[in-house]
Amino acid sequence: MIWVFCLLVYGIFHVWWGGKSKPLSSQEVQEGIATLRAVVSGPNSLSHLDEVAQFLSLDDGLSFVMFNSVLHRKKAQYPEHSGFSDDARAADQRYGKAIIWPLIKHASLPIFVARRKGTFVNDAHSPDWSYVAMVRYRSRRDFLKFAIEIESKGIAFHKWAAIEQTQVFPVHPMVSLFTPRLAVATLLILAAGCLNGFLA
């Protein structure tokens, strides 16, 4: 029964994690952008809608990782009397905590976040990024749902208050040691083996 239970758990995880789905149709993209346009607040989100539409229109149905480089403002730009401090890092942390559940609901999550620790090879026009982050999304459809949720709930408000400049683009891993399916399978096998030994 233990092995059957573990197999069932892995099956649920495998389906939830996904990674290959039907690409967005042009109608879905148009409706999604219309919904985003209706819920976004502030010029920063609005200014990127054309780029979002282009990104969604190239959907291949596969999972992807979004690479983000972020430069914090010297002071967070919240509206006057918002009740929040002008600490840009605190504003960004507020955003980061608020997006965890919306990401997890769609089998998406941050897989790498690292703060800048100096300079090596750097273009003269490149900013001194504050940190970089890589976020896995199950699909572009899930990315769209995530974007609509954080905009409609006012979560993105904290992001734009914190960020002076950002560079964002999707990547597809060529070599990666991050293998969630293998990791979950290994943990379940170990757990089942330990439980069997304990109950024997």
C-alpha atoms as a PDB file:
ATOM      1  CA  MET A   1       0.000   0.000   0.000  1.00  0.00           C
ATOM      2  CA  ILE A   2       2.891   2.352   0.723  1.00  0.00           C
ATOM      3  CA  TRP A   3       4.295   1.919  -2.775  1.00  0.00           C
ATOM      4  CA  VAL A   4       0.848   2.398  -4.329  1.00  0.00           C
ATOM      5  CA  PHE A   5       0.366   5.596  -2.325  1.00  0.00           C
ATOM      6  CA  CYS A   6       3.785   6.930  -3.385  1.00  0.00           C
ATOM      7  CA  LEU A   7       3.054   6.070  -7.014  1.00  0.00           C
ATOM      8  CA  LEU A   8      -0.254   7.943  -6.750  1.00  0.00           C
ATOM      9  CA  VAL A   9       1.493  10.975  -5.224  1.00  0.00           C
ATOM     10  CA  TYR A  10       4.086  10.966  -7.995  1.00  0.00           C
ATOM     11  CA  GLY A  11       1.361  10.677 -10.651  1.00  0.00           C
ATOM     12  CA  ILE A  12      -0.432  13.720  -9.228  1.00  0.00           C
ATOM     13  CA  PHE A  13       2.834  15.671  -9.127  1.00  0.00           C
ATOM     14  CA  HIS A  14       3.734  14.630 -12.682  1.00  0.00           C
ATOM     15  CA  VAL A  15       0.411  15.903 -14.043  1.00  0.00           C
ATOM     16  CA  TRP A  16       0.545  19.107 -11.952  1.00  0.00           C
ATOM     17  CA  TRP A  17       4.133  19.917 -12.971  1.00  0.00           C
ATOM     18  CA  GLY A  18       3.239  19.478 -16.639  1.00  0.00           C
ATOM     19  CA  GLY A  19       5.519  21.092 -19.183  1.00  0.00           C
ATOM     20  CA  LYS A  20       3.726  20.426 -22.437  1.00  0.00           C
ATOM     21  CA  SER A  21       0.297  21.777 -23.304  1.00  0.00           C
ATOM     22  CA  LYS A  22      -1.764  23.096 -26.184  1.00  0.00           C
ATOM     23  CA  PRO A  23      -0.388  26.486 -27.346  1.00  0.00           C
ATOM     24  CA  LEU A  24      -2.497  29.582 -26.813  1.00  0.00           C
ATOM     25  CA  SER A  25      -4.790  30.416 -29.721  1.00  0.00           C
ATOM     26  CA  SER A  26      -4.816  33.911 -31.185  1.00  0.00           C
ATOM     27  CA  GLN A  27      -8.263  34.422 -29.630  1.00  0.00           C
ATOM     28  CA  GLU A  28      -6.964  33.432 -26.188  1.00  0.00           C
ATOM     29  CA  VAL A  29      -4.086  35.887 -26.566  1.00  0.00           C
ATOM     30  CA  GLN A  30      -6.412  38.717 -27.575  1.00  0.00           C
ATOM     31  CA  GLU A  31      -8.824  37.985 -24.728  1.00  0.00           C
ATOM     32  CA  GLY A  32      -5.957  37.658 -22.240  1.00  0.00           C
ATOM     33  CA  ILE A  33      -4.438  40.991 -23.239  1.00  0.00           C
ATOM     34  CA  ALA A  34      -7.874  42.629 -23.055  1.00  0.00           C
ATOM     35  CA  THR A  35      -8.290  41.269 -19.530  1.00  0.00           C
ATOM     36  CA  LEU A  36      -4.826  42.471 -18.552  1.00  0.00           C
ATOM     37  CA  ARG A  37      -5.526  45.903 -19.970  1.00  0.00           C
ATOM     38  CA  ALA A  38      -8.671  46.097 -17.841  1.00  0.00           C
ATOM     39  CA  VAL A  39      -6.937  45.180 -14.569  1.00  0.00           C
ATOM     40  CA  VAL A  40      -3.462  46.723 -14.786  1.00  0.00           C
ATOM     41  CA  SER A  41      -2.768  49.878 -12.839  1.00  0.00           C
ATOM     42  CA  GLY A  42       0.054  52.305 -13.464  1.00  0.00           C
ATOM     43  CA  PRO A  43       2.052  53.236 -16.559  1.00  0.00           C
ATOM     44  CA  ASN A  44       4.761  50.599 -16.077  1.00  0.00           C
ATOM     45  CA  SER A  45       2.447  47.628 -16.545  1.00  0.00           C
ATOM     46  CA  LEU A  46       0.579  49.285 -19.406  1.00  0.00           C
ATOM     47  CA  SER A  47       3.791  50.088 -21.270  1.00  0.00           C
ATOM     48  CA  HIS A  48       4.698  46.387 -21.505  1.00  0.00           C
ATOM     49  CA  LEU A  49       1.405  45.016 -22.834  1.00  0.00           C
ATOM     50  CA  ASP A  50       2.586  44.957 -26.463  1.00  0.00           C
ATOM     51  CA  GLU A  51       5.642  42.935 -25.437  1.00  0.00           C
ATOM     52  CA  VAL A  52       3.445  40.541 -23.444  1.00  0.00           C
ATOM     53  CA  ALA A  53       1.155  40.081 -26.455  1.00  0.00           C
ATOM     54  CA  GLN A  54       4.141  39.313 -28.710  1.00  0.00           C
ATOM     55  CA  PHE A  55       5.515  36.833 -26.181  1.00  0.00           C
ATOM     56  CA  LEU A  56       2.169  35.033 -25.851  1.00  0.00           C
ATOM     57  CA  SER A  57       1.645  34.883 -29.623  1.00  0.00           C
ATOM     58  CA  LEU A  58       4.809  32.779 -29.985  1.00  0.00           C
ATOM     59  CA  ASP A  59       3.568  30.086 -27.604  1.00  0.00           C
ATOM     60  CA  ASP A  60       4.915  26.596 -28.286  1.00  0.00           C
ATOM     61  CA  GLY A  61       3.028  24.960 -25.419  1.00  0.00           C
ATOM     62  CA  LEU A  62       6.219  24.131 -23.519  1.00  0.00           C
ATOM     63  CA  SER A  63       7.389  25.160 -20.068  1.00  0.00           C
ATOM     64  CA  PHE A  64      10.076  27.830 -19.883  1.00  0.00           C
ATOM     65  CA  VAL A  65      12.247  29.799 -17.483  1.00  0.00           C
ATOM     66  CA  MET A  66      12.019  33.582 -17.314  1.00  0.00           C
ATOM     67  CA  PHE A  67      15.336  35.317 -16.663  1.00  0.00           C
ATOM     68  CA  ASN A  68      15.104  38.607 -14.734  1.00  0.00           C
ATOM     69  CA  SER A  69      17.820  41.144 -13.978  1.00  0.00           C
ATOM     70  CA  VAL A  70      16.656  43.847 -11.590  1.00  0.00           C
ATOM     71  CA  LEU A  71      17.946  47.268 -10.567  1.00  0.00           C
ATOM     72  CA  HIS A  72      16.407  48.697  -7.416  1.00  0.00           C
ATOM     73  CA  ARG A  73      15.444  52.342  -7.138  1.00  0.00           C
ATOM     74  CA  LYS A  74      17.307  54.455  -4.597  1.00  0.00           C
ATOM     75  CA  LYS A  75      13.925  54.994  -2.968  1.00  0.00           C
ATOM     76  CA  ALA A  76      10.695  53.101  -3.550  1.00  0.00           C
ATOM     77  CA  GLN A  77       8.179  55.133  -5.522  1.00  0.00           C
ATOM     78  CA  TYR A  78       4.893  54.590  -3.751  1.00  0.00           C
ATOM     79  CA  PRO A  79       2.078  57.130  -4.069  1.00  0.00           C
ATOM     80  CA  GLU A  80       1.956  59.681  -1.276  1.00  0.00           C
ATOM     81  CA  HIS A  81       0.071  58.479   1.825  1.00  0.00           C
ATOM     82  CA  SER A  82       0.275  54.852   0.638  1.00  0.00           C
ATOM     83  CA  GLY A  83       1.427  53.786   4.084  1.00  0.00           C
ATOM     84  CA  PHE A  84       4.563  52.073   2.774  1.00  0.00           C
ATOM     85  CA  SER A  85       8.152  53.134   3.430  1.00  0.00           C
ATOM     86  CA  ASP A  86      10.502  54.283   0.664  1.00  0.00           C
ATOM     87  CA  ASP A  87      12.782  51.246   1.140  1.00  0.00           C
ATOM     88  CA  ALA A  88      13.026  49.769  -2.376  1.00  0.00           C
ATOM     89  CA  ARG A  89      14.361  46.420  -1.182  1.00  0.00           C
ATOM     90  CA  ALA A  90      11.485  46.071   1.282  1.00  0.00           C
ATOM     91  CA  ALA A  91       9.029  46.881  -1.519  1.00  0.00           C
ATOM     92  CA  ASP A  92      10.572  44.190  -3.725  1.00  0.00           C
ATOM     93  CA  GLN A  93      10.495  41.659  -0.868  1.00  0.00           C
ATOM     94  CA  ARG A  94       6.828  42.501  -0.354  1.00  0.00           C
ATOM     95  CA  TYR A  95       6.228  41.684  -4.018  1.00  0.00           C
ATOM     96  CA  GLY A  96       8.288  38.496  -3.828  1.00  0.00           C
ATOM     97  CA  LYS A  97       6.327  37.117  -0.873  1.00  0.00           C
ATOM     98  CA  ALA A  98       2.980  37.991  -2.440  1.00  0.00           C
ATOM     99  CA  ILE A  99       3.629  36.134  -5.712  1.00  0.00           C
ATOM    100  CA  ILE A 100       4.604  32.768  -4.197  1.00  0.00           C
ATOM    101  CA  TRP A 101       1.080  31.342  -3.975  1.00  0.00           C
ATOM    102  CA  PRO A 102      -0.057  32.650  -7.391  1.00  0.00           C
ATOM    103  CA  LEU A 103       3.029  30.968  -8.880  1.00  0.00           C
ATOM    104  CA  ILE A 104       2.639  27.649  -7.061  1.00  0.00           C
ATOM    105  CA  LYS A 105      -1.019  27.375  -8.113  1.00  0.00           C
ATOM    106  CA  HIS A 106       0.215  27.200 -11.709  1.00  0.00           C
ATOM    107  CA  ALA A 107       3.159  24.825 -11.117  1.00  0.00           C
ATOM    108  CA  SER A 108       5.567  27.731 -11.412  1.00  0.00           C
ATOM    109  CA  LEU A 109       8.221  28.847  -8.948  1.00  0.00           C
ATOM    110  CA  PRO A 110      11.508  30.715  -8.535  1.00  0.00           C
ATOM    111  CA  ILE A 111      14.371  28.286  -9.129  1.00  0.00           C
ATOM    112  CA  PHE A 112      17.292  30.689  -8.684  1.00  0.00           C
ATOM    113  CA  VAL A 113      17.702  34.117  -7.054  1.00  0.00           C
ATOM    114  CA  ALA A 114      21.108  35.716  -6.508  1.00  0.00           C
ATOM    115  CA  ARG A 115      22.260  39.127  -5.341  1.00  0.00           C
ATOM    116  CA  ARG A 116      25.005  40.923  -7.258  1.00  0.00           C
ATOM    117  CA  LYS A 117      28.458  40.455  -5.716  1.00  0.00           C
ATOM    118  CA  GLY A 118      30.707  42.701  -7.786  1.00  0.00           C
ATOM    119  CA  THR A 119      31.665  43.382 -11.401  1.00  0.00           C
ATOM    120  CA  PHE A 120      33.585  41.360 -13.964  1.00  0.00           C
ATOM    121  CA  VAL A 121      32.840  41.772 -17.691  1.00  0.00           C
ATOM    122  CA  ASN A 122      30.396  44.638 -17.993  1.00  0.00           C
ATOM    123  CA  ASP A 123      29.137  46.751 -20.883  1.00  0.00           C
ATOM    124  CA  ALA A 124      29.638  50.463 -20.278  1.00  0.00           C
ATOM    125  CA  HIS A 125      25.909  51.095 -20.744  1.00  0.00           C
ATOM    126  CA  SER A 126      24.747  48.195 -18.593  1.00  0.00           C
ATOM    127  CA  PRO A 127      23.406  49.128 -15.146  1.00  0.00           C
ATOM    128  CA  ASP A 128      24.806  47.649 -11.961  1.00  0.00           C
ATOM    129  CA  TRP A 129      21.974  45.160 -11.497  1.00  0.00           C
ATOM    130  CA  SER A 130      20.879  44.588  -7.900  1.00  0.00           C
ATOM    131  CA  TYR A 131      20.113  40.887  -8.400  1.00  0.00           C
ATOM    132  CA  VAL A 132      19.068  38.258 -10.923  1.00  0.00           C
ATOM    133  CA  ALA A 133      16.248  35.722 -10.695  1.00  0.00           C
ATOM    134  CA  MET A 134      15.039  32.777 -12.751  1.00  0.00           C
ATOM    135  CA  VAL A 135      11.421  31.679 -12.546  1.00  0.00           C
ATOM    136  CA  ARG A 136      10.011  28.483 -14.031  1.00  0.00           C
ATOM    137  CA  TYR A 137       6.567  28.681 -15.649  1.00  0.00           C
ATOM    138  CA  ARG A 138       4.589  25.600 -16.638  1.00  0.00           C
ATOM    139  CA  SER A 139       3.380  27.310 -19.812  1.00  0.00           C
ATOM    140  CA  ARG A 140       2.694  30.716 -21.341  1.00  0.00           C
ATOM    141  CA  ARG A 141      -0.976  30.122 -20.546  1.00  0.00           C
ATOM    142  CA  ASP A 142      -0.018  29.826 -16.870  1.00  0.00           C
ATOM    143  CA  PHE A 143       2.151  32.925 -17.181  1.00  0.00           C
ATOM    144  CA  LEU A 144      -0.876  34.834 -18.509  1.00  0.00           C
ATOM    145  CA  LYS A 145      -3.090  33.618 -15.651  1.00  0.00           C
ATOM    146  CA  PHE A 146      -0.390  34.584 -13.162  1.00  0.00           C
ATOM    147  CA  ALA A 147      -0.007  38.059 -14.676  1.00  0.00           C
ATOM    148  CA  ILE A 148      -3.766  38.672 -14.581  1.00  0.00           C
ATOM    149  CA  GLU A 149      -3.952  37.579 -10.943  1.00  0.00           C
ATOM    150  CA  ILE A 150      -1.116  39.729  -9.627  1.00  0.00           C
ATOM    151  CA  GLU A 151      -2.361  42.751 -11.540  1.00  0.00           C
ATOM    152  CA  SER A 152      -5.980  42.347 -10.435  1.00  0.00           C
ATOM    153  CA  LYS A 153      -4.880  41.957  -6.795  1.00  0.00           C
ATOM    154  CA  GLY A 154      -2.539  44.959  -6.937  1.00  0.00           C
ATOM    155  CA  ILE A 155       0.555  42.845  -6.236  1.00  0.00           C
ATOM    156  CA  ALA A 156       2.544  44.201  -9.213  1.00  0.00           C
ATOM    157  CA  PHE A 157       2.129  47.629  -7.616  1.00  0.00           C
ATOM    158  CA  HIS A 158       4.989  46.757  -5.217  1.00  0.00           C
ATOM    159  CA  LYS A 159       7.232  45.532  -8.034  1.00  0.00           C
ATOM    160  CA  TRP A 160       7.123  48.792  -9.967  1.00  0.00           C
ATOM    161  CA  ALA A 161       7.512  50.821  -6.782  1.00  0.00           C
ATOM    162  CA  ALA A 162      10.795  48.974  -6.149  1.00  0.00           C
ATOM    163  CA  ILE A 163      12.319  48.646  -9.617  1.00  0.00           C
ATOM    164  CA  GLU A 164      14.222  51.329 -11.475  1.00  0.00           C
ATOM    165  CA  GLN A 165      15.059  49.101 -14.436  1.00  0.00           C
ATOM    166  CA  THR A 166      14.668  45.470 -15.401  1.00  0.00           C
ATOM    167  CA  GLN A 167      15.561  43.133 -18.240  1.00  0.00           C
ATOM    168  CA  VAL A 168      13.327  40.105 -18.707  1.00  0.00           C
ATOM    169  CA  PHE A 169      13.425  37.351 -21.319  1.00  0.00           C
ATOM    170  CA  PRO A 170      12.442  33.672 -21.571  1.00  0.00           C
ATOM    171  CA  VAL A 171      15.050  30.919 -21.799  1.00  0.00           C
ATOM    172  CA  HIS A 172      14.880  27.185 -22.379  1.00  0.00           C
ATOM    173  CA  PRO A 173      17.447  25.104 -20.424  1.00  0.00           C
ATOM    174  CA  MET A 174      20.026  23.288 -22.528  1.00  0.00           C
ATOM    175  CA  VAL A 175      21.888  21.785 -19.552  1.00  0.00           C
ATOM    176  CA  SER A 176      20.347  21.799 -16.083  1.00  0.00           C
ATOM    177  CA  LEU A 177      20.847  19.909 -12.827  1.00  0.00           C
ATOM    178  CA  PHE A 178      17.402  21.073 -11.705  1.00  0.00           C
ATOM    179  CA  THR A 179      15.280  17.957 -12.337  1.00  0.00           C
ATOM    180  CA  PRO A 180      12.141  18.146 -10.171  1.00  0.00           C
ATOM    181  CA  ARG A 181      10.600  14.905 -11.449  1.00  0.00           C
ATOM    182  CA  LEU A 182      13.740  12.925 -10.601  1.00  0.00           C
ATOM    183  CA  ALA A 183      14.067  14.665  -7.223  1.00  0.00           C
ATOM    184  CA  VAL A 184      10.449  13.943  -6.256  1.00  0.00           C
ATOM    185  CA  ALA A 185      10.680  10.337  -7.455  1.00  0.00           C
ATOM    186  CA  THR A 186      13.889   9.819  -5.438  1.00  0.00           C
ATOM    187  CA  LEU A 187      12.355  11.307  -2.276  1.00  0.00           C
ATOM    188  CA  LEU A 188       9.250   9.144  -2.601  1.00  0.00           C
ATOM    189  CA  ILE A 189      11.317   5.984  -3.140  1.00  0.00           C
ATOM    190  CA  LEU A 190      13.437   6.797  -0.083  1.00  0.00           C
ATOM    191  CA  ALA A 191      10.342   7.600   1.992  1.00  0.00           C
ATOM    192  CA  ALA A 192       8.621   4.375   0.935  1.00  0.00           C
ATOM    193  CA  GLY A 193      11.742   2.340   1.662  1.00  0.00           C
ATOM    194  CA  CYS A 194      12.120   3.896   5.123  1.00  0.00           C
ATOM    195  CA  LEU A 195       8.446   3.341   5.973  1.00  0.00           C
ATOM    196  CA  ASN A 196       8.593  -0.265   4.807  1.00  0.00           C
ATOM    197  CA  GLY A 197      11.672  -0.853   6.953  1.00  0.00           C
ATOM    198  CA  PHE A 198      10.052   0.816   9.967  1.00  0.00           C
ATOM    199  CA  LEU A 199       6.838  -1.196   9.656  1.00  0.00           C
ATOM    200  CA  ALA A 200       8.569  -4.492   8.890  1.00  0.00           C
END
